[in-house]
Amino acid sequence: THLAGGGQPAEALDLLSALLAIAPEEAEADIWHEPKTRIQSHDYAGILRESIPHLADSGGFDALELFCALLATATEQRRGRNEENDYDDNSHYWRHNLDSYEVSMSREITNGLTTAVFQTGRKILEKDPTAMRRIVEKLDSKRWTIFQRIALHLLSEFDAPPQELVAQKLLDQSLLDGDTTRREYNLLAKAH
């Protein structure tokens, strides 16, 4: 937090990337588990809790990229091997509500990283509402449904998002039909 707050966000992100790296492992078929990290989960949660506000503010899109990469890796390990190319991560079970979760409430790594992505996207948009398209494109580039949920929620939360993005999401039948994305889809439909 000292590096990020002291005008050195790139150095802070490099350090955080090393500390929060997800340990590589071979995912087993149909086994759901938390990813392995170099540090214990309570320390991981503490680092996220302390660093998210500073890095979301000073790191911008670089912080969003780091947190997205970590969340994608964590979700892949949590989900297990997926030979059917089914990227429904069932995140509606392990993260029902995107905006009512604090990193300090859980030691769960995947939930903490979800908070990091969501809060970083939110912070970027508070500073620059025109960044919505770029954030949604970043989130859409990830294959897991947790990223789709975050994109839908951010689109529903901010005034005057690009209407073609809203229309694209609302016309996507898979988002309406998917159990995992239905809550955020409905939030977007009600907001727009």
C-alpha atoms as a PDB file:
ATOM      1  CA  THR A   1       0.000   0.000   0.000  1.00  0.00           C
ATOM      2  CA  HIS A   2       2.937   2.341   0.620  1.00  0.00           C
ATOM      3  CA  LEU A   3       4.193   1.888  -2.943  1.00  0.00           C
ATOM      4  CA  ALA A   4       0.758   2.432  -4.474  1.00  0.00           C
ATOM      5  CA  GLY A   5       0.034   5.438  -2.263  1.00  0.00           C
ATOM      6  CA  GLY A   6       3.520   6.806  -2.844  1.00  0.00           C
ATOM      7  CA  GLY A   7       3.155   7.150  -6.590  1.00  0.00           C
ATOM      8  CA  GLN A   8       4.704   3.820  -7.516  1.00  0.00           C
ATOM      9  CA  PRO A   9       1.742   1.751  -8.698  1.00  0.00           C
ATOM     10  CA  ALA A  10       3.796  -0.314 -11.168  1.00  0.00           C
ATOM     11  CA  GLU A  11       6.155  -1.443  -8.412  1.00  0.00           C
ATOM     12  CA  ALA A  12       3.198  -2.125  -6.112  1.00  0.00           C
ATOM     13  CA  LEU A  13       1.547  -4.266  -8.787  1.00  0.00           C
ATOM     14  CA  ASP A  14       4.776  -6.220  -9.382  1.00  0.00           C
ATOM     15  CA  LEU A  15       5.094  -6.947  -5.674  1.00  0.00           C
ATOM     16  CA  LEU A  16       1.428  -7.849  -5.353  1.00  0.00           C
ATOM     17  CA  SER A  17       1.632 -10.118  -8.387  1.00  0.00           C
ATOM     18  CA  ALA A  18       4.434 -12.094  -6.739  1.00  0.00           C
ATOM     19  CA  LEU A  19       2.700 -12.251  -3.352  1.00  0.00           C
ATOM     20  CA  LEU A  20      -0.724 -13.236  -4.660  1.00  0.00           C
ATOM     21  CA  ALA A  21       0.352 -15.641  -7.385  1.00  0.00           C
ATOM     22  CA  ILE A  22      -1.722 -18.781  -7.652  1.00  0.00           C
ATOM     23  CA  ALA A  23       0.504 -21.855  -7.391  1.00  0.00           C
ATOM     24  CA  PRO A  24       0.339 -23.962 -10.528  1.00  0.00           C
ATOM     25  CA  GLU A  25      -1.318 -27.311 -10.143  1.00  0.00           C
ATOM     26  CA  GLU A  26      -2.957 -29.905 -12.290  1.00  0.00           C
ATOM     27  CA  ALA A  27      -6.700 -29.515 -11.971  1.00  0.00           C
ATOM     28  CA  GLU A  28      -8.575 -32.696 -11.281  1.00  0.00           C
ATOM     29  CA  ALA A  29     -11.796 -33.515 -13.053  1.00  0.00           C
ATOM     30  CA  ASP A  30     -14.996 -32.582 -11.234  1.00  0.00           C
ATOM     31  CA  ILE A  31     -13.279 -31.570  -8.001  1.00  0.00           C
ATOM     32  CA  TRP A  32     -14.117 -28.138  -6.611  1.00  0.00           C
ATOM     33  CA  HIS A  33     -11.551 -26.631  -4.282  1.00  0.00           C
ATOM     34  CA  GLU A  34      -9.874 -23.397  -3.409  1.00  0.00           C
ATOM     35  CA  PRO A  35      -6.700 -22.626  -5.349  1.00  0.00           C
ATOM     36  CA  LYS A  36      -3.290 -23.019  -3.795  1.00  0.00           C
ATOM     37  CA  THR A  37      -1.264 -19.911  -3.049  1.00  0.00           C
ATOM     38  CA  ARG A  38       2.173 -19.185  -1.664  1.00  0.00           C
ATOM     39  CA  ILE A  39       0.728 -17.618   1.459  1.00  0.00           C
ATOM     40  CA  GLN A  40      -2.024 -18.676   3.832  1.00  0.00           C
ATOM     41  CA  SER A  41      -5.571 -17.663   2.992  1.00  0.00           C
ATOM     42  CA  HIS A  42      -5.973 -15.280   5.948  1.00  0.00           C
ATOM     43  CA  ASP A  43      -2.791 -13.449   4.911  1.00  0.00           C
ATOM     44  CA  TYR A  44      -4.036 -13.413   1.304  1.00  0.00           C
ATOM     45  CA  ALA A  45      -7.325 -11.840   2.424  1.00  0.00           C
ATOM     46  CA  GLY A  46      -5.466  -9.285   4.527  1.00  0.00           C
ATOM     47  CA  ILE A  47      -3.244  -8.245   1.635  1.00  0.00           C
ATOM     48  CA  LEU A  48      -6.255  -7.889  -0.652  1.00  0.00           C
ATOM     49  CA  ARG A  49      -8.210  -5.932   1.955  1.00  0.00           C
ATOM     50  CA  GLU A  50      -5.349  -3.462   2.416  1.00  0.00           C
ATOM     51  CA  SER A  51      -4.291  -3.153  -1.215  1.00  0.00           C
ATOM     52  CA  ILE A  52      -7.563  -2.995  -3.166  1.00  0.00           C
ATOM     53  CA  PRO A  53      -8.449   0.624  -2.303  1.00  0.00           C
ATOM     54  CA  HIS A  54      -4.954   1.926  -3.074  1.00  0.00           C
ATOM     55  CA  LEU A  55      -4.311  -0.092  -6.214  1.00  0.00           C
ATOM     56  CA  ALA A  56      -7.788   0.415  -7.623  1.00  0.00           C
ATOM     57  CA  ASP A  57      -7.177   4.142  -7.314  1.00  0.00           C
ATOM     58  CA  SER A  58      -3.577   4.387  -8.487  1.00  0.00           C
ATOM     59  CA  GLY A  59      -3.150   1.265 -10.635  1.00  0.00           C
ATOM     60  CA  GLY A  60      -6.223   1.646 -12.830  1.00  0.00           C
ATOM     61  CA  PHE A  61      -6.379  -0.774 -15.730  1.00  0.00           C
ATOM     62  CA  ASP A  62      -3.086  -2.417 -14.790  1.00  0.00           C
ATOM     63  CA  ALA A  63      -4.585  -3.325 -11.408  1.00  0.00           C
ATOM     64  CA  LEU A  64      -7.749  -4.560 -13.122  1.00  0.00           C
ATOM     65  CA  GLU A  65      -5.657  -6.741 -15.437  1.00  0.00           C
ATOM     66  CA  LEU A  66      -3.718  -8.238 -12.523  1.00  0.00           C
ATOM     67  CA  PHE A  67      -6.844  -9.015 -10.509  1.00  0.00           C
ATOM     68  CA  CYS A  68      -8.613 -10.445 -13.597  1.00  0.00           C
ATOM     69  CA  ALA A  69      -5.674 -12.738 -14.351  1.00  0.00           C
ATOM     70  CA  LEU A  70      -5.527 -13.947 -10.750  1.00  0.00           C
ATOM     71  CA  LEU A  71      -9.294 -14.505 -10.612  1.00  0.00           C
ATOM     72  CA  ALA A  72      -9.281 -16.425 -13.905  1.00  0.00           C
ATOM     73  CA  THR A  73      -6.537 -18.737 -12.633  1.00  0.00           C
ATOM     74  CA  ALA A  74      -8.219 -19.169  -9.247  1.00  0.00           C
ATOM     75  CA  THR A  75     -11.571 -19.924 -10.875  1.00  0.00           C
ATOM     76  CA  GLU A  76     -10.006 -22.475 -13.190  1.00  0.00           C
ATOM     77  CA  GLN A  77      -8.399 -24.265 -10.259  1.00  0.00           C
ATOM     78  CA  ARG A  78     -11.546 -24.022  -8.180  1.00  0.00           C
ATOM     79  CA  ARG A  79     -13.697 -25.407 -10.973  1.00  0.00           C
ATOM     80  CA  GLY A  80     -11.439 -28.303 -11.885  1.00  0.00           C
ATOM     81  CA  ARG A  81     -10.605 -29.623 -15.313  1.00  0.00           C
ATOM     82  CA  ASN A  82     -13.234 -28.777 -17.848  1.00  0.00           C
ATOM     83  CA  GLU A  83     -13.118 -30.879 -20.975  1.00  0.00           C
ATOM     84  CA  GLU A  84     -16.544 -29.805 -22.196  1.00  0.00           C
ATOM     85  CA  ASN A  85     -15.580 -26.116 -22.556  1.00  0.00           C
ATOM     86  CA  ASP A  86     -18.287 -25.285 -20.034  1.00  0.00           C
ATOM     87  CA  TYR A  87     -17.200 -22.087 -18.357  1.00  0.00           C
ATOM     88  CA  ASP A  88     -20.112 -21.803 -15.971  1.00  0.00           C
ATOM     89  CA  ASP A  89     -18.273 -21.483 -12.681  1.00  0.00           C
ATOM     90  CA  ASN A  90     -21.441 -21.707 -10.549  1.00  0.00           C
ATOM     91  CA  SER A  91     -20.367 -18.466  -8.918  1.00  0.00           C
ATOM     92  CA  HIS A  92     -23.958 -17.717  -7.975  1.00  0.00           C
ATOM     93  CA  TYR A  93     -23.491 -20.358  -5.265  1.00  0.00           C
ATOM     94  CA  TRP A  94     -20.184 -19.138  -3.865  1.00  0.00           C
ATOM     95  CA  ARG A  95     -20.799 -15.418  -4.497  1.00  0.00           C
ATOM     96  CA  HIS A  96     -24.501 -14.706  -4.505  1.00  0.00           C
ATOM     97  CA  ASN A  97     -24.320 -10.917  -4.322  1.00  0.00           C
ATOM     98  CA  LEU A  98     -21.398  -9.097  -5.914  1.00  0.00           C
ATOM     99  CA  ASP A  99     -21.719  -5.805  -4.089  1.00  0.00           C
ATOM    100  CA  SER A 100     -22.291  -6.912  -0.509  1.00  0.00           C
ATOM    101  CA  TYR A 101     -19.088  -8.748   0.215  1.00  0.00           C
ATOM    102  CA  GLU A 102     -16.048  -7.622   2.131  1.00  0.00           C
ATOM    103  CA  VAL A 103     -12.700  -9.351   1.769  1.00  0.00           C
ATOM    104  CA  SER A 104     -12.438  -9.443   5.544  1.00  0.00           C
ATOM    105  CA  MET A 105     -15.562 -11.619   5.823  1.00  0.00           C
ATOM    106  CA  SER A 106     -13.936 -14.683   4.342  1.00  0.00           C
ATOM    107  CA  ARG A 107     -10.623 -16.290   3.833  1.00  0.00           C
ATOM    108  CA  GLU A 108     -11.780 -17.638   0.514  1.00  0.00           C
ATOM    109  CA  ILE A 109      -9.313 -16.620  -2.171  1.00  0.00           C
ATOM    110  CA  THR A 110     -11.687 -16.715  -5.131  1.00  0.00           C
ATOM    111  CA  ASN A 111     -14.201 -14.486  -3.348  1.00  0.00           C
ATOM    112  CA  GLY A 112     -11.497 -12.018  -2.377  1.00  0.00           C
ATOM    113  CA  LEU A 113     -10.280 -11.790  -5.956  1.00  0.00           C
ATOM    114  CA  THR A 114     -13.856 -11.306  -7.164  1.00  0.00           C
ATOM    115  CA  THR A 115     -14.103  -8.346  -4.814  1.00  0.00           C
ATOM    116  CA  ALA A 116     -10.803  -7.015  -6.160  1.00  0.00           C
ATOM    117  CA  VAL A 117     -11.999  -7.139  -9.777  1.00  0.00           C
ATOM    118  CA  PHE A 118     -15.415  -5.674  -8.945  1.00  0.00           C
ATOM    119  CA  GLN A 119     -14.121  -2.850  -6.746  1.00  0.00           C
ATOM    120  CA  THR A 120     -11.304  -1.973  -9.144  1.00  0.00           C
ATOM    121  CA  GLY A 121     -13.742  -1.744 -12.054  1.00  0.00           C
ATOM    122  CA  ARG A 122     -16.073   0.359  -9.928  1.00  0.00           C
ATOM    123  CA  LYS A 123     -13.240   2.696  -8.862  1.00  0.00           C
ATOM    124  CA  ILE A 124     -12.078   3.186 -12.453  1.00  0.00           C
ATOM    125  CA  LEU A 125     -15.636   4.071 -13.467  1.00  0.00           C
ATOM    126  CA  GLU A 126     -16.033   6.537 -10.602  1.00  0.00           C
ATOM    127  CA  LYS A 127     -12.981   8.389 -11.901  1.00  0.00           C
ATOM    128  CA  ASP A 128     -13.801   7.975 -15.602  1.00  0.00           C
ATOM    129  CA  PRO A 129     -17.341   6.918 -16.572  1.00  0.00           C
ATOM    130  CA  THR A 130     -16.258   6.742 -20.222  1.00  0.00           C
ATOM    131  CA  ALA A 131     -14.095   3.704 -19.368  1.00  0.00           C
ATOM    132  CA  MET A 132     -17.151   1.392 -19.264  1.00  0.00           C
ATOM    133  CA  ARG A 133     -16.628  -0.025 -22.755  1.00  0.00           C
ATOM    134  CA  ARG A 134     -12.981  -0.835 -22.066  1.00  0.00           C
ATOM    135  CA  ILE A 135     -13.819  -2.488 -18.735  1.00  0.00           C
ATOM    136  CA  VAL A 136     -16.625  -4.574 -20.228  1.00  0.00           C
ATOM    137  CA  GLU A 137     -14.360  -5.643 -23.089  1.00  0.00           C
ATOM    138  CA  LYS A 138     -11.698  -6.698 -20.567  1.00  0.00           C
ATOM    139  CA  LEU A 139     -14.235  -8.675 -18.537  1.00  0.00           C
ATOM    140  CA  ASP A 140     -15.797 -10.207 -21.654  1.00  0.00           C
ATOM    141  CA  SER A 141     -12.374 -11.429 -22.760  1.00  0.00           C
ATOM    142  CA  LYS A 142     -12.337 -13.801 -19.782  1.00  0.00           C
ATOM    143  CA  ARG A 143     -14.224 -17.044 -20.217  1.00  0.00           C
ATOM    144  CA  TRP A 144     -15.690 -17.662 -16.766  1.00  0.00           C
ATOM    145  CA  THR A 145     -19.217 -16.517 -15.906  1.00  0.00           C
ATOM    146  CA  ILE A 146     -18.047 -14.576 -12.838  1.00  0.00           C
ATOM    147  CA  PHE A 147     -16.595 -12.015 -15.265  1.00  0.00           C
ATOM    148  CA  GLN A 148     -19.900 -11.776 -17.162  1.00  0.00           C
ATOM    149  CA  ARG A 149     -21.678 -11.217 -13.852  1.00  0.00           C
ATOM    150  CA  ILE A 150     -19.302  -8.399 -12.899  1.00  0.00           C
ATOM    151  CA  ALA A 151     -19.757  -6.732 -16.317  1.00  0.00           C
ATOM    152  CA  LEU A 152     -23.557  -6.940 -16.067  1.00  0.00           C
ATOM    153  CA  HIS A 153     -23.530  -5.547 -12.539  1.00  0.00           C
ATOM    154  CA  LEU A 154     -21.277  -2.617 -13.431  1.00  0.00           C
ATOM    155  CA  LEU A 155     -23.460  -1.806 -16.450  1.00  0.00           C
ATOM    156  CA  SER A 156     -26.530  -1.793 -14.211  1.00  0.00           C
ATOM    157  CA  GLU A 157     -24.918   0.299 -11.504  1.00  0.00           C
ATOM    158  CA  PHE A 158     -23.668   3.330 -13.423  1.00  0.00           C
ATOM    159  CA  ASP A 159     -25.688   6.031 -15.110  1.00  0.00           C
ATOM    160  CA  ALA A 160     -25.550   6.349 -18.882  1.00  0.00           C
ATOM    161  CA  PRO A 161     -23.508   3.298 -19.889  1.00  0.00           C
ATOM    162  CA  PRO A 162     -23.068   2.846 -23.646  1.00  0.00           C
ATOM    163  CA  GLN A 163     -26.535   1.811 -24.784  1.00  0.00           C
ATOM    164  CA  GLU A 164     -25.235  -0.584 -27.424  1.00  0.00           C
ATOM    165  CA  LEU A 165     -23.437  -2.521 -24.652  1.00  0.00           C
ATOM    166  CA  VAL A 166     -26.621  -2.623 -22.587  1.00  0.00           C
ATOM    167  CA  ALA A 167     -28.624  -3.784 -25.631  1.00  0.00           C
ATOM    168  CA  GLN A 168     -26.006  -6.400 -26.507  1.00  0.00           C
ATOM    169  CA  LYS A 169     -26.161  -7.879 -23.008  1.00  0.00           C
ATOM    170  CA  LEU A 170     -29.951  -7.768 -22.750  1.00  0.00           C
ATOM    171  CA  LEU A 171     -30.326  -9.465 -26.153  1.00  0.00           C
ATOM    172  CA  ASP A 172     -27.913 -12.257 -25.197  1.00  0.00           C
ATOM    173  CA  GLN A 173     -30.266 -15.149 -24.477  1.00  0.00           C
ATOM    174  CA  SER A 174     -27.520 -17.178 -22.797  1.00  0.00           C
ATOM    175  CA  LEU A 175     -27.216 -14.524 -20.084  1.00  0.00           C
ATOM    176  CA  LEU A 176     -30.941 -14.635 -19.400  1.00  0.00           C
ATOM    177  CA  ASP A 177     -31.114 -18.435 -19.515  1.00  0.00           C
ATOM    178  CA  GLY A 178     -28.017 -19.038 -17.400  1.00  0.00           C
ATOM    179  CA  ASP A 179     -28.656 -19.704 -13.727  1.00  0.00           C
ATOM    180  CA  THR A 180     -25.324 -18.135 -12.851  1.00  0.00           C
ATOM    181  CA  THR A 181     -25.911 -14.826 -14.654  1.00  0.00           C
ATOM    182  CA  ARG A 182     -29.668 -14.423 -14.172  1.00  0.00           C
ATOM    183  CA  ARG A 183     -29.479 -12.190 -11.066  1.00  0.00           C
ATOM    184  CA  GLU A 184     -27.175  -9.612 -12.689  1.00  0.00           C
ATOM    185  CA  TYR A 185     -29.083  -9.835 -15.988  1.00  0.00           C
ATOM    186  CA  ASN A 186     -32.264  -8.903 -14.093  1.00  0.00           C
ATOM    187  CA  LEU A 187     -30.475  -6.016 -12.366  1.00  0.00           C
ATOM    188  CA  LEU A 188     -29.439  -4.662 -15.764  1.00  0.00           C
ATOM    189  CA  ALA A 189     -32.920  -5.117 -17.222  1.00  0.00           C
ATOM    190  CA  LYS A 190     -34.492  -3.230 -14.288  1.00  0.00           C
ATOM    191  CA  ALA A 191     -31.920  -0.422 -14.468  1.00  0.00           C
ATOM    192  CA  HIS A 192     -32.314   0.124 -18.218  1.00  0.00           C
END
